[in-house]
Every structure is written in structure tokens, then in C-alpha cells.
Amino acid sequence: MDSGTLSDAAVDAFVRERFIPVRIEKEHQPDAFGSLKVTAFPSTILLRADRTEVARLPGHLGPQEFIEKLKAATAGN
């Protein structure tokens, strides 16, 4: 997703405006990775400030689909 969806200008602007993106890599942060119970690669997990999960978006998504799923997941929040 780095070279496609996440590097898309519209996705970058949307994410930076509404979220605090954090990347967790299994080999570098195994404890954090394990606590999130990641089972698909890549995964986007939306958390509230209190660390409760809002949504989980597993797998590769195209730019427009990624934005739409983020919007749907956060509607009303």
C-alpha cells in the first residue's frame, strides 16, 4: 500500500487531516503488533484515544475505496 494507496495525494491529504497515522511493524514492535491481534497484511486499524477499536480494514485497498471505507468507519464519530 505504500507505493500505491498511501502515496496517493488524496489519501495522504485525507488521512493527515483527520487521523494520527502510526505504523507498527511486526519485526520492530512485536508487543504492539501482538496486542492489536493483526491477522492480515496490510491492515489499517482505527483506534480512539482510549485505544478502543473503531474499525479494521484488512488487505490492499485502492485509493478511493480506502477513503470511502475510512469515511464509513468514522461516520458519526
C-alpha atoms as a PDB file:
ATOM      1  CA  MET A   1       0.000   0.000   0.000  1.00  0.00           C
ATOM      2  CA  ASP A   2       2.976   2.324   0.493  1.00  0.00           C
ATOM      3  CA  SER A   3       3.732   2.675  -3.205  1.00  0.00           C
ATOM      4  CA  GLY A   4       0.079   2.878  -4.214  1.00  0.00           C
ATOM      5  CA  THR A   5      -2.762   3.839  -1.924  1.00  0.00           C
ATOM      6  CA  LEU A   6      -0.824   5.543   0.860  1.00  0.00           C
ATOM      7  CA  SER A   7       1.258   7.591  -1.575  1.00  0.00           C
ATOM      8  CA  ASP A   8      -1.859   8.860  -3.371  1.00  0.00           C
ATOM      9  CA  ALA A   9      -2.192  12.628  -2.829  1.00  0.00           C
ATOM     10  CA  ALA A  10      -5.920  12.461  -1.992  1.00  0.00           C
ATOM     11  CA  VAL A  11      -5.393   9.654   0.527  1.00  0.00           C
ATOM     12  CA  ASP A  12      -2.437  11.457   2.092  1.00  0.00           C
ATOM     13  CA  ALA A  13      -4.420  14.688   2.493  1.00  0.00           C
ATOM     14  CA  PHE A  14      -7.497  12.882   3.845  1.00  0.00           C
ATOM     15  CA  VAL A  15      -5.527  10.881   6.410  1.00  0.00           C
ATOM     16  CA  ARG A  16      -3.387  13.815   7.574  1.00  0.00           C
ATOM     17  CA  GLU A  17      -6.460  15.994   8.031  1.00  0.00           C
ATOM     18  CA  ARG A  18      -8.460  13.504  10.111  1.00  0.00           C
ATOM     19  CA  PHE A  19      -6.118  10.974  11.750  1.00  0.00           C
ATOM     20  CA  ILE A  20      -2.822  10.488  13.531  1.00  0.00           C
ATOM     21  CA  PRO A  21      -1.206   7.756  11.438  1.00  0.00           C
ATOM     22  CA  VAL A  22       1.095   5.311  13.215  1.00  0.00           C
ATOM     23  CA  ARG A  23       2.945   2.467  11.526  1.00  0.00           C
ATOM     24  CA  ILE A  24       3.624  -0.677  13.525  1.00  0.00           C
ATOM     25  CA  GLU A  25       5.923  -3.280  12.053  1.00  0.00           C
ATOM     26  CA  LYS A  26       5.857  -6.810  13.417  1.00  0.00           C
ATOM     27  CA  GLU A  27       9.632  -7.251  13.476  1.00  0.00           C
ATOM     28  CA  HIS A  28      10.255  -3.904  15.215  1.00  0.00           C
ATOM     29  CA  GLN A  29       7.284  -3.653  17.625  1.00  0.00           C
ATOM     30  CA  PRO A  30       6.215  -7.239  18.335  1.00  0.00           C
ATOM     31  CA  ASP A  31       4.388  -6.381  21.572  1.00  0.00           C
ATOM     32  CA  ALA A  32       2.255  -3.661  19.996  1.00  0.00           C
ATOM     33  CA  PHE A  33       1.691  -5.831  16.942  1.00  0.00           C
ATOM     34  CA  GLY A  34       0.547  -8.738  19.118  1.00  0.00           C
ATOM     35  CA  SER A  35      -1.752  -6.619  21.256  1.00  0.00           C
ATOM     36  CA  LEU A  36      -3.592  -5.483  18.119  1.00  0.00           C
ATOM     37  CA  LYS A  37      -4.171  -9.097  17.024  1.00  0.00           C
ATOM     38  CA  VAL A  38      -3.266  -8.412  13.397  1.00  0.00           C
ATOM     39  CA  THR A  39      -4.119 -11.363  11.146  1.00  0.00           C
ATOM     40  CA  ALA A  40      -3.991  -9.777   7.674  1.00  0.00           C
ATOM     41  CA  PHE A  41      -1.264  -7.853   5.899  1.00  0.00           C
ATOM     42  CA  PRO A  42      -1.521  -4.979   5.408  1.00  0.00           C
ATOM     43  CA  SER A  43      -4.097  -3.894   7.977  1.00  0.00           C
ATOM     44  CA  THR A  44      -5.395  -0.473   8.854  1.00  0.00           C
ATOM     45  CA  ILE A  45      -6.791  -0.296  12.365  1.00  0.00           C
ATOM     46  CA  LEU A  46      -8.609   2.778  13.602  1.00  0.00           C
ATOM     47  CA  LEU A  47      -8.393   3.386  17.342  1.00  0.00           C
ATOM     48  CA  ARG A  48      -9.891   6.005  19.621  1.00  0.00           C
ATOM     49  CA  ALA A  49      -7.650   7.890  22.056  1.00  0.00           C
ATOM     50  CA  ASP A  50      -8.616   5.365  24.758  1.00  0.00           C
ATOM     51  CA  ARG A  51      -7.332   2.572  22.439  1.00  0.00           C
ATOM     52  CA  THR A  52     -10.751   1.084  21.714  1.00  0.00           C
ATOM     53  CA  GLU A  53     -11.058  -0.162  18.162  1.00  0.00           C
ATOM     54  CA  VAL A  54     -13.299   1.747  15.768  1.00  0.00           C
ATOM     55  CA  ALA A  55     -12.648  -0.280  12.616  1.00  0.00           C
ATOM     56  CA  ARG A  56     -10.279  -2.733  10.972  1.00  0.00           C
ATOM     57  CA  LEU A  57      -9.573  -2.584   7.248  1.00  0.00           C
ATOM     58  CA  PRO A  58      -7.585  -5.652   6.204  1.00  0.00           C
ATOM     59  CA  GLY A  59      -5.825  -6.116   2.896  1.00  0.00           C
ATOM     60  CA  HIS A  60      -4.898  -3.907  -0.034  1.00  0.00           C
ATOM     61  CA  LEU A  61      -7.422  -1.255  -0.977  1.00  0.00           C
ATOM     62  CA  GLY A  62      -7.304   1.208  -3.848  1.00  0.00           C
ATOM     63  CA  PRO A  63      -7.179   4.915  -3.000  1.00  0.00           C
ATOM     64  CA  GLN A  64     -10.870   5.718  -3.490  1.00  0.00           C
ATOM     65  CA  GLU A  65     -12.030   2.535  -1.742  1.00  0.00           C
ATOM     66  CA  PHE A  66      -9.669   3.263   1.175  1.00  0.00           C
ATOM     67  CA  ILE A  67     -11.068   6.782   1.628  1.00  0.00           C
ATOM     68  CA  GLU A  68     -14.674   5.549   1.369  1.00  0.00           C
ATOM     69  CA  LYS A  69     -14.065   2.833   3.975  1.00  0.00           C
ATOM     70  CA  LEU A  70     -12.401   5.339   6.319  1.00  0.00           C
ATOM     71  CA  LYS A  71     -15.371   7.687   5.907  1.00  0.00           C
ATOM     72  CA  ALA A  72     -17.857   4.901   6.577  1.00  0.00           C
ATOM     73  CA  ALA A  73     -15.923   3.669   9.606  1.00  0.00           C
ATOM     74  CA  THR A  74     -15.819   7.121  11.182  1.00  0.00           C
ATOM     75  CA  ALA A  75     -19.287   8.376  10.243  1.00  0.00           C
ATOM     76  CA  GLY A  76     -20.881   9.788  13.348  1.00  0.00           C
ATOM     77  CA  ASN A  77     -17.635   9.844  15.337  1.00  0.00           C
END
